[in-house]
């Protein structure tokens, strides 16, 4: 969707990128630019050059350049070699596109952050994007309306169907529960589809809960069977008089054995009200801290005794990452910089590499390359040699 927006102003982006590159290329040009900024008393200081392969980096370059919009024409008056000055029409298009991309940039920073947030945070951001597109789809500006319609087509293509994982995840957020579907679905779909999708999510959640209840009961029954077998072996089978419940109990054993057997039988009966019903009947949790810092998984961990089965459902659903994309590599606005950890090898690693190279050459009967050789010698190691190094 973002690429559809940027493609509409690719020529304007080229003007800004070339202009920023031209000014940052020389200290004297930067000095002239800074003098103009000081005369205009602008609070901003420097321009940002983007990384072409990362759209949010391009957005930051455009957003920063907009702050210096009045500086570029004045710089052109002092440097006639500056041929990349954007026109007024270009600035107008850039400003309109940046208003759209700002929402995408904020959403990206939330959804694809370094901390990999839980999946309950996505639907609210998705709803925000849909409201934005609907708002500008009927804009008076033909340029903006055409751009947004292309972006909206992509949205409807990928999000036209209800995503059960995202919907169930946000329902399991104790701050929202089913209220979130009443808020978000009418904004994303029409009235009929919103009701249909809400019913689908409701049924899917109860079906999922039943599967976890069945699995939990099966595990409990196995545990009880093993426990009873252990108790029978400890008290001795066939000795003593039988109790009224049909359980063989040793006369010399403690009364706790009868009591525990009774509790085990009673606890196997399913309660009339499920954990899921109790969860929905209670009011939404009022977050006392910053709502963005709220951790749903920690809340479920704290309430695991109250909702033992539903807690397992929430743990499995919320722990699923929203995206499998390596966000640091794909969505980072920074340039490609190698950190000290990767650009600097320790002495032990260097020594190991040198010793490994000498060992390989000794095993294969090769000699080190002479410094007078013009072309380096290419060495292909067999698989057995590589495994030996490892």
Protein backbone atom coordinates (compact mmCIF):
# COMPACT_ATOMS: atom_id res chain seq x y z
CA UNK A 1 0.00 0.00 0.00
CA UNK A 2 2.84 2.38 0.82
CA UNK A 3 4.56 1.69 -2.47
CA UNK A 4 1.36 2.66 -4.27
CA UNK A 5 1.53 6.00 -2.52
CA UNK A 6 5.22 6.61 -3.16
CA UNK A 7 4.89 5.68 -6.82
CA UNK A 8 2.55 8.66 -7.31
CA UNK A 9 5.32 11.11 -6.33
CA UNK A 10 8.43 9.28 -7.54
CA UNK A 11 9.59 12.33 -9.52
CA UNK A 12 9.14 14.61 -6.52
CA UNK A 13 11.01 12.15 -4.34
CA UNK A 14 13.89 12.16 -6.82
CA UNK A 15 14.09 15.95 -6.62
CA UNK A 16 14.24 15.87 -2.83
CA UNK A 17 16.72 13.00 -2.69
CA UNK A 18 19.06 14.57 -5.24
CA UNK A 19 18.79 17.93 -3.50
CA UNK A 20 19.59 16.49 -0.07
CA UNK A 21 22.50 14.52 -1.50
CA UNK A 22 23.85 17.62 -3.27
CA UNK A 23 23.74 19.77 -0.13
CA UNK A 24 25.20 17.13 2.19
CA UNK A 25 28.05 16.42 -0.22
CA UNK A 26 30.02 19.57 0.64
CA UNK A 27 30.77 21.43 3.87
CA UNK A 28 30.53 24.78 2.12
CA UNK A 29 27.04 23.93 0.83
CA UNK A 30 25.99 22.81 4.28
CA UNK A 31 27.28 26.08 5.70
CA UNK A 32 25.23 28.12 3.23
CA UNK A 33 22.17 26.00 3.99
CA UNK A 34 22.69 26.48 7.74
CA UNK A 35 22.99 30.24 7.33
CA UNK A 36 19.62 30.37 5.58
CA UNK A 37 18.09 28.21 8.30
CA UNK A 38 19.39 30.57 10.98
CA UNK A 39 18.06 33.63 9.19
CA UNK A 40 14.61 32.04 8.97
CA UNK A 41 14.92 31.01 12.64
CA UNK A 42 13.89 27.46 12.01
CA UNK A 43 14.25 25.06 14.94
CA UNK A 44 15.47 22.20 12.78
CA UNK A 45 19.11 21.66 11.93
CA UNK A 46 19.91 19.07 9.27
CA UNK A 47 18.54 17.11 6.35
CA UNK A 48 18.22 13.33 6.22
CA UNK A 49 19.15 11.16 3.23
CA UNK A 50 17.06 8.04 2.87
CA UNK A 51 17.86 4.42 2.17
CA UNK A 52 16.08 3.72 -1.14
CA UNK A 53 15.09 0.16 -0.22
CA UNK A 54 13.20 1.19 2.95
CA UNK A 55 10.02 3.18 2.56
CA UNK A 56 9.90 4.51 6.12
CA UNK A 57 13.38 5.90 5.61
CA UNK A 58 12.08 7.70 2.52
CA UNK A 59 9.14 8.99 4.54
CA UNK A 60 11.46 10.44 7.19
CA UNK A 61 13.53 12.13 4.49
CA UNK A 62 10.41 13.72 2.97
CA UNK A 63 8.96 14.71 6.36
CA UNK A 64 12.25 16.36 7.32
CA UNK A 65 12.60 18.11 3.96
CA UNK A 66 9.10 19.58 4.40
CA UNK A 67 10.37 21.43 7.47
CA UNK A 68 12.96 23.14 5.23
CA UNK A 69 10.53 23.86 2.39
CA UNK A 70 11.20 27.62 2.54
CA UNK A 71 14.97 27.06 2.61
CA UNK A 72 15.35 25.23 -0.71
CA UNK A 73 14.33 28.11 -3.04
CA UNK A 74 16.55 30.54 -1.11
CA UNK A 75 19.46 28.17 -1.40
CA UNK A 76 18.81 27.95 -5.14
CA UNK A 77 19.19 31.73 -5.37
CA UNK A 78 22.69 31.50 -3.84
CA UNK A 79 23.82 28.38 -5.69
CA UNK A 80 22.78 28.24 -9.34
CA UNK A 81 24.35 24.80 -9.71
CA UNK A 82 21.61 23.45 -7.47
CA UNK A 83 19.25 21.99 -10.08
CA UNK A 84 17.20 19.72 -7.83
CA UNK A 85 15.00 22.27 -6.14
CA UNK A 86 11.43 20.90 -5.83
CA UNK A 87 8.66 23.07 -7.21
CA UNK A 88 5.64 24.27 -5.26
CA UNK A 89 3.55 21.58 -6.88
CA UNK A 90 6.02 18.94 -5.71
CA UNK A 91 5.88 20.19 -2.13
CA UNK A 92 2.09 20.10 -2.20
CA UNK A 93 2.04 16.45 -3.31
CA UNK A 94 4.73 15.47 -0.82
CA UNK A 95 2.81 17.02 2.03
CA UNK A 96 -0.40 15.18 1.14
CA UNK A 97 1.38 11.85 0.80
CA UNK A 98 3.25 12.33 4.08
CA UNK A 99 -0.04 12.83 5.88
CA UNK A 100 -1.03 9.35 4.74
CA UNK A 101 2.34 7.73 5.31
CA UNK A 102 2.59 9.12 8.84
CA UNK A 103 -0.13 6.72 9.96
CA UNK A 104 1.61 3.80 8.26
CA UNK A 105 4.90 4.79 9.84
CA UNK A 106 3.42 4.86 13.35
CA UNK A 107 1.65 1.55 12.75
CA UNK A 108 4.85 -0.05 11.51
CA UNK A 109 6.81 1.12 14.55
CA UNK A 110 4.18 -0.42 16.83
CA UNK A 111 3.55 -3.70 15.04
CA UNK A 112 7.06 -4.47 13.87
CA UNK A 113 9.06 -3.13 16.77
CA UNK A 114 12.17 -4.76 18.17
CA UNK A 115 10.26 -6.22 21.13
CA UNK A 116 7.88 -8.21 18.89
CA UNK A 117 4.56 -7.23 20.54
CA UNK A 118 1.81 -9.76 21.18
CA UNK A 119 -0.79 -10.30 18.48
CA UNK A 120 -3.60 -8.53 20.34
CA UNK A 121 -2.23 -5.13 19.26
CA UNK A 122 -2.80 -5.51 15.55
CA UNK A 123 -6.54 -5.09 15.02
CA UNK A 124 -6.61 -1.55 16.45
CA UNK A 125 -3.85 -0.46 14.06
CA UNK A 126 -5.58 -2.21 11.17
CA UNK A 127 -8.78 -0.37 11.97
CA UNK A 128 -6.91 2.94 12.10
CA UNK A 129 -5.52 2.39 8.60
CA UNK A 130 -8.97 1.50 7.23
CA UNK A 131 -10.52 4.66 8.72
CA UNK A 132 -7.74 6.73 7.16
CA UNK A 133 -8.25 5.24 3.71
CA UNK A 134 -12.02 5.66 3.86
CA UNK A 135 -11.60 9.28 4.90
CA UNK A 136 -9.37 10.20 1.97
CA UNK A 137 -11.09 7.98 -0.61
CA UNK A 138 -13.60 10.79 -1.17
CA UNK A 139 -11.11 13.65 -0.98
CA UNK A 140 -11.65 16.66 -3.22
CA UNK A 141 -8.08 16.44 -4.50
CA UNK A 142 -8.05 14.11 -7.50
CA UNK A 143 -4.38 13.21 -7.04
CA UNK A 144 -4.92 12.11 -3.43
CA UNK A 145 -8.19 10.34 -4.23
CA UNK A 146 -6.59 8.29 -7.01
CA UNK A 147 -3.68 7.31 -4.80
CA UNK A 148 -5.87 6.28 -1.85
CA UNK A 149 -8.19 4.22 -4.05
CA UNK A 150 -5.23 2.12 -5.18
CA UNK A 151 -4.16 1.64 -1.58
CA UNK A 152 -7.70 0.78 -0.53
CA UNK A 153 -7.87 -1.86 -3.25
CA UNK A 154 -4.85 -3.54 -1.71
CA UNK A 155 -6.43 -3.33 1.75
CA UNK A 156 -9.66 -4.95 0.60
CA UNK A 157 -7.72 -7.66 -1.21
CA UNK A 158 -5.69 -8.74 1.80
CA UNK A 159 -8.08 -7.88 4.66
CA UNK A 160 -11.47 -8.42 3.06
CA UNK A 161 -11.85 -11.69 4.93
CA UNK A 162 -11.84 -11.85 8.71
CA UNK A 163 -8.54 -13.02 10.18
CA UNK A 164 -9.54 -15.31 13.04
CA UNK A 165 -6.13 -15.25 14.73
CA UNK A 166 -6.03 -11.46 14.95
CA UNK A 167 -9.67 -11.23 16.08
CA UNK A 168 -9.42 -13.95 18.75
CA UNK A 169 -6.14 -12.50 20.02
CA UNK A 170 -7.66 -9.09 20.69
CA UNK A 171 -10.76 -10.66 22.29
CA UNK A 172 -8.39 -12.37 24.73
CA UNK A 173 -7.09 -8.95 25.74
CA UNK A 174 -8.87 -8.38 29.09
CA UNK A 175 -9.11 -4.64 28.40
CA UNK A 176 -11.28 -5.19 25.30
CA UNK A 177 -12.97 -8.61 25.17
CA UNK A 178 -15.89 -8.63 22.69
CA UNK A 179 -16.19 -4.83 22.85
CA UNK A 180 -13.35 -4.55 20.36
CA UNK A 181 -15.30 -6.37 17.65
CA UNK A 182 -18.28 -4.06 18.18
CA UNK A 183 -15.92 -1.13 17.62
CA UNK A 184 -13.57 -2.34 14.90
CA UNK A 185 -15.62 -4.56 12.60
CA UNK A 186 -18.19 -1.89 11.61
CA UNK A 187 -15.28 0.34 10.61
CA UNK A 188 -13.61 -2.36 8.51
CA UNK A 189 -16.69 -4.06 7.00
CA UNK A 190 -20.27 -3.11 6.21
CA UNK A 191 -23.00 -3.80 8.78
CA UNK A 192 -23.96 -7.25 7.50
CA UNK A 193 -20.38 -8.51 7.14
CA UNK A 194 -19.51 -7.08 10.55
CA UNK A 195 -22.25 -9.14 12.22
CA UNK A 196 -21.32 -12.26 10.26
CA UNK A 197 -17.63 -11.97 11.13
CA UNK A 198 -18.43 -11.32 14.80
CA UNK A 199 -20.49 -14.53 14.89
CA UNK A 200 -17.67 -16.46 13.20
CA UNK A 201 -15.16 -15.23 15.78
CA UNK A 202 -17.54 -16.04 18.65
CA UNK A 203 -18.15 -19.60 17.41
CA UNK A 204 -14.48 -20.20 16.65
CA UNK A 205 -13.44 -19.05 20.11
CA UNK A 206 -15.91 -21.38 21.85
CA UNK A 207 -14.91 -24.26 19.60
CA UNK A 208 -11.26 -23.63 20.42
CA UNK A 209 -12.05 -23.47 24.12
CA UNK A 210 -13.88 -26.81 23.97
CA UNK A 211 -10.83 -28.45 22.41
CA UNK A 212 -8.64 -27.19 25.23
CA UNK A 213 -11.18 -28.35 27.84
CA UNK A 214 -11.24 -31.83 26.30
CA UNK A 215 -7.45 -31.97 26.23
CA UNK A 216 -7.28 -30.77 29.84
CA UNK A 217 -9.79 -33.35 31.03
CA UNK A 218 -7.95 -36.12 29.23
CA UNK A 219 -4.72 -35.06 30.89
CA UNK A 220 -6.45 -34.85 34.29
CA UNK A 221 -7.98 -38.31 33.95
CA UNK A 222 -4.62 -39.82 33.09
CA UNK A 223 -3.08 -38.13 36.10
CA UNK A 224 -5.89 -39.33 38.40
CA UNK A 225 -5.57 -42.88 37.10
CA UNK A 226 -1.85 -42.89 37.75
CA UNK A 227 -2.37 -41.38 41.21
CA UNK A 228 -4.97 -43.96 42.20
CA UNK A 229 -2.77 -46.77 41.03
CA UNK A 230 0.00 -45.39 43.18
CA UNK A 231 -2.31 -45.09 46.20
CA UNK A 232 -3.58 -48.64 45.71
CA UNK A 233 -0.06 -49.99 45.68
CA UNK A 234 0.80 -48.01 48.80
CA UNK A 235 -2.19 -49.18 50.85
CA UNK A 236 -2.16 -52.77 49.62
CA UNK A 237 -4.88 -54.22 47.40
CA UNK A 238 -7.52 -56.56 48.73
CA UNK A 239 -6.84 -55.82 52.42
CA UNK A 240 -9.27 -54.29 54.84
CA UNK A 241 -12.98 -53.71 54.46
CA UNK A 242 -14.47 -51.91 51.44
CA UNK A 243 -15.92 -48.43 51.83
CA UNK A 244 -19.41 -47.37 50.76
CA UNK A 245 -17.97 -45.76 47.62
CA UNK A 246 -16.53 -49.05 46.46
CA UNK A 247 -12.94 -48.05 47.15
CA UNK A 248 -10.69 -50.53 48.86
CA UNK A 249 -9.24 -48.72 51.84
CA UNK A 250 -6.88 -50.08 54.44
CA UNK A 251 -8.27 -49.83 57.98
CA UNK A 252 -4.93 -48.53 59.15
CA UNK A 253 -4.74 -45.76 56.47
CA UNK A 254 -5.53 -42.09 57.08
CA UNK A 255 -9.00 -40.70 56.48
CA UNK A 256 -7.48 -38.31 53.93
CA UNK A 257 -7.44 -41.12 51.35
CA UNK A 258 -11.25 -41.34 51.34
CA UNK A 259 -11.54 -37.57 51.27
CA UNK A 260 -9.15 -37.17 48.32
CA UNK A 261 -10.91 -39.87 46.33
CA UNK A 262 -14.22 -38.08 46.89
CA UNK A 263 -12.74 -34.73 45.80
CA UNK A 264 -11.26 -36.32 42.66
CA UNK A 265 -14.67 -37.68 41.66
CA UNK A 266 -16.48 -34.41 42.27
CA UNK A 267 -13.89 -32.27 40.48
CA UNK A 268 -14.20 -34.36 37.31
CA UNK A 269 -17.74 -33.05 36.83
CA UNK A 270 -17.69 -30.02 34.54
CA UNK A 271 -19.07 -26.81 36.10
CA UNK A 272 -22.29 -25.37 34.73
CA UNK A 273 -20.61 -22.09 33.72
CA UNK A 274 -17.47 -22.27 31.61
CA UNK A 275 -14.38 -20.14 32.13
CA UNK A 276 -15.11 -18.39 28.86
CA UNK A 277 -18.59 -17.37 30.01
CA UNK A 278 -17.21 -16.09 33.29
CA UNK A 279 -14.51 -14.16 31.42
CA UNK A 280 -17.08 -12.39 29.23
CA UNK A 281 -19.49 -11.69 32.10
CA UNK A 282 -16.87 -9.79 34.08
CA UNK A 283 -16.27 -6.15 33.13
CA UNK A 284 -13.25 -5.24 31.04
CA UNK A 285 -10.02 -4.80 32.92
CA UNK A 286 -9.20 -1.17 33.69
CA UNK A 287 -5.53 -0.68 32.97
CA UNK A 288 -3.83 1.39 35.68
CA UNK A 289 -0.58 1.84 33.74
CA UNK A 290 0.18 3.12 30.28
CA UNK A 291 -2.08 1.23 27.89
CA UNK A 292 0.78 0.74 25.43
CA UNK A 293 2.94 -0.82 28.15
CA UNK A 294 0.23 -3.30 29.18
CA UNK A 295 1.33 -6.93 28.81
CA UNK A 296 -1.61 -9.26 28.20
CA UNK A 297 0.48 -12.38 28.73
CA UNK A 298 1.47 -11.22 32.22
CA UNK A 299 -2.19 -10.58 33.05
CA UNK A 300 -3.13 -14.10 32.06
CA UNK A 301 -0.21 -15.48 34.03
CA UNK A 302 -1.44 -13.63 37.12
CA UNK A 303 -4.98 -15.03 36.58
CA UNK A 304 -3.94 -18.57 35.66
CA UNK A 305 -5.55 -20.04 38.81
CA UNK A 306 -8.86 -18.35 38.04
CA UNK A 307 -8.88 -19.37 34.35
CA UNK A 308 -6.66 -22.49 34.13
CA UNK A 309 -7.94 -23.66 30.74
CA UNK A 310 -8.58 -20.29 29.14
CA UNK A 311 -5.12 -19.21 30.27
CA UNK A 312 -3.61 -21.92 28.06
CA UNK A 313 -5.67 -20.71 25.10
CA UNK A 314 -4.51 -17.12 25.65
CA UNK A 315 -0.90 -18.22 26.05
CA UNK A 316 -0.88 -20.10 22.75
CA UNK A 317 -2.73 -17.39 20.79
CA UNK A 318 -1.04 -14.25 22.12
CA UNK A 319 2.42 -15.74 21.81
CA UNK A 320 2.08 -16.08 18.04
CA UNK A 321 4.12 -13.27 16.44
CA UNK A 322 2.22 -10.86 14.22
CA UNK A 323 4.79 -11.06 11.44
CA UNK A 324 7.55 -13.49 10.54
CA UNK A 325 9.48 -10.68 8.84
CA UNK A 326 12.82 -9.77 10.37
CA UNK A 327 11.64 -6.28 11.21
CA UNK A 328 15.06 -4.93 12.17
CA UNK A 329 16.39 -5.71 8.70
CA UNK A 330 13.36 -4.82 6.59
CA UNK A 331 11.55 -1.99 8.33
CA UNK A 332 14.39 -0.21 10.07
CA UNK A 333 14.74 3.43 9.03
CA UNK A 334 18.47 3.39 9.60
CA UNK A 335 21.06 2.91 6.92
CA UNK A 336 22.92 -0.35 6.59
CA UNK A 337 25.55 -0.06 9.29
CA UNK A 338 27.66 -2.94 10.57
CA UNK A 339 27.90 -2.81 14.34
CA UNK A 340 31.10 -3.33 16.33
CA UNK A 341 30.16 -6.89 17.17
CA UNK A 342 30.10 -7.93 13.51
CA UNK A 343 32.85 -5.67 12.20
CA UNK A 344 35.45 -6.58 14.82
CA UNK A 345 36.64 -10.12 15.44
CA UNK A 346 38.16 -11.06 18.77
CA UNK A 347 41.73 -12.33 18.97
CA UNK A 348 40.53 -15.84 19.78
CA UNK A 349 38.32 -15.98 16.67
CA UNK A 350 41.11 -14.64 14.44
CA UNK A 351 43.53 -17.20 15.84
CA UNK A 352 40.99 -19.99 15.32
CA UNK A 353 40.43 -18.93 11.70
CA UNK A 354 44.17 -18.80 10.98
CA UNK A 355 44.77 -22.17 12.60
CA UNK A 356 41.81 -23.63 10.74
CA UNK A 357 43.19 -22.34 7.44
CA UNK A 358 46.62 -23.82 8.14
CA UNK A 359 45.02 -27.12 9.10
CA UNK A 360 42.99 -27.26 5.88
CA UNK A 361 46.01 -26.51 3.72
CA UNK A 362 48.03 -29.16 5.55
CA UNK A 363 45.32 -31.78 5.12
CA UNK A 364 44.92 -31.04 1.40
CA UNK A 365 48.63 -30.64 0.69
CA UNK A 366 48.30 -26.99 -0.40
CA UNK A 367 50.76 -24.17 -0.01
CA UNK A 368 50.06 -20.60 1.03
CA UNK A 369 49.61 -18.12 -1.82
CA UNK A 370 52.81 -16.27 -2.67
CA UNK A 371 52.51 -12.49 -2.42
CA UNK A 372 53.99 -12.16 -5.91
CA UNK A 373 51.11 -14.13 -7.44
CA UNK A 374 48.80 -11.91 -9.45
CA UNK A 375 45.67 -13.99 -9.03
CA UNK A 376 44.54 -15.52 -5.73
CA UNK A 377 44.22 -19.26 -5.48
CA UNK A 378 40.66 -20.50 -5.10
CA UNK A 379 40.34 -23.44 -2.72
CA UNK A 380 37.25 -25.66 -2.61
CA UNK A 381 37.09 -27.78 0.52
CA UNK A 382 35.36 -31.17 0.48
CA UNK A 383 32.42 -31.67 2.82
CA UNK A 384 34.43 -34.00 5.08
CA UNK A 385 37.04 -31.29 5.66
CA UNK A 386 34.40 -28.71 6.53
CA UNK A 387 32.76 -31.08 9.00
CA UNK A 388 36.17 -31.70 10.53
CA UNK A 389 36.62 -27.97 11.14
CA UNK A 390 33.24 -27.75 12.84
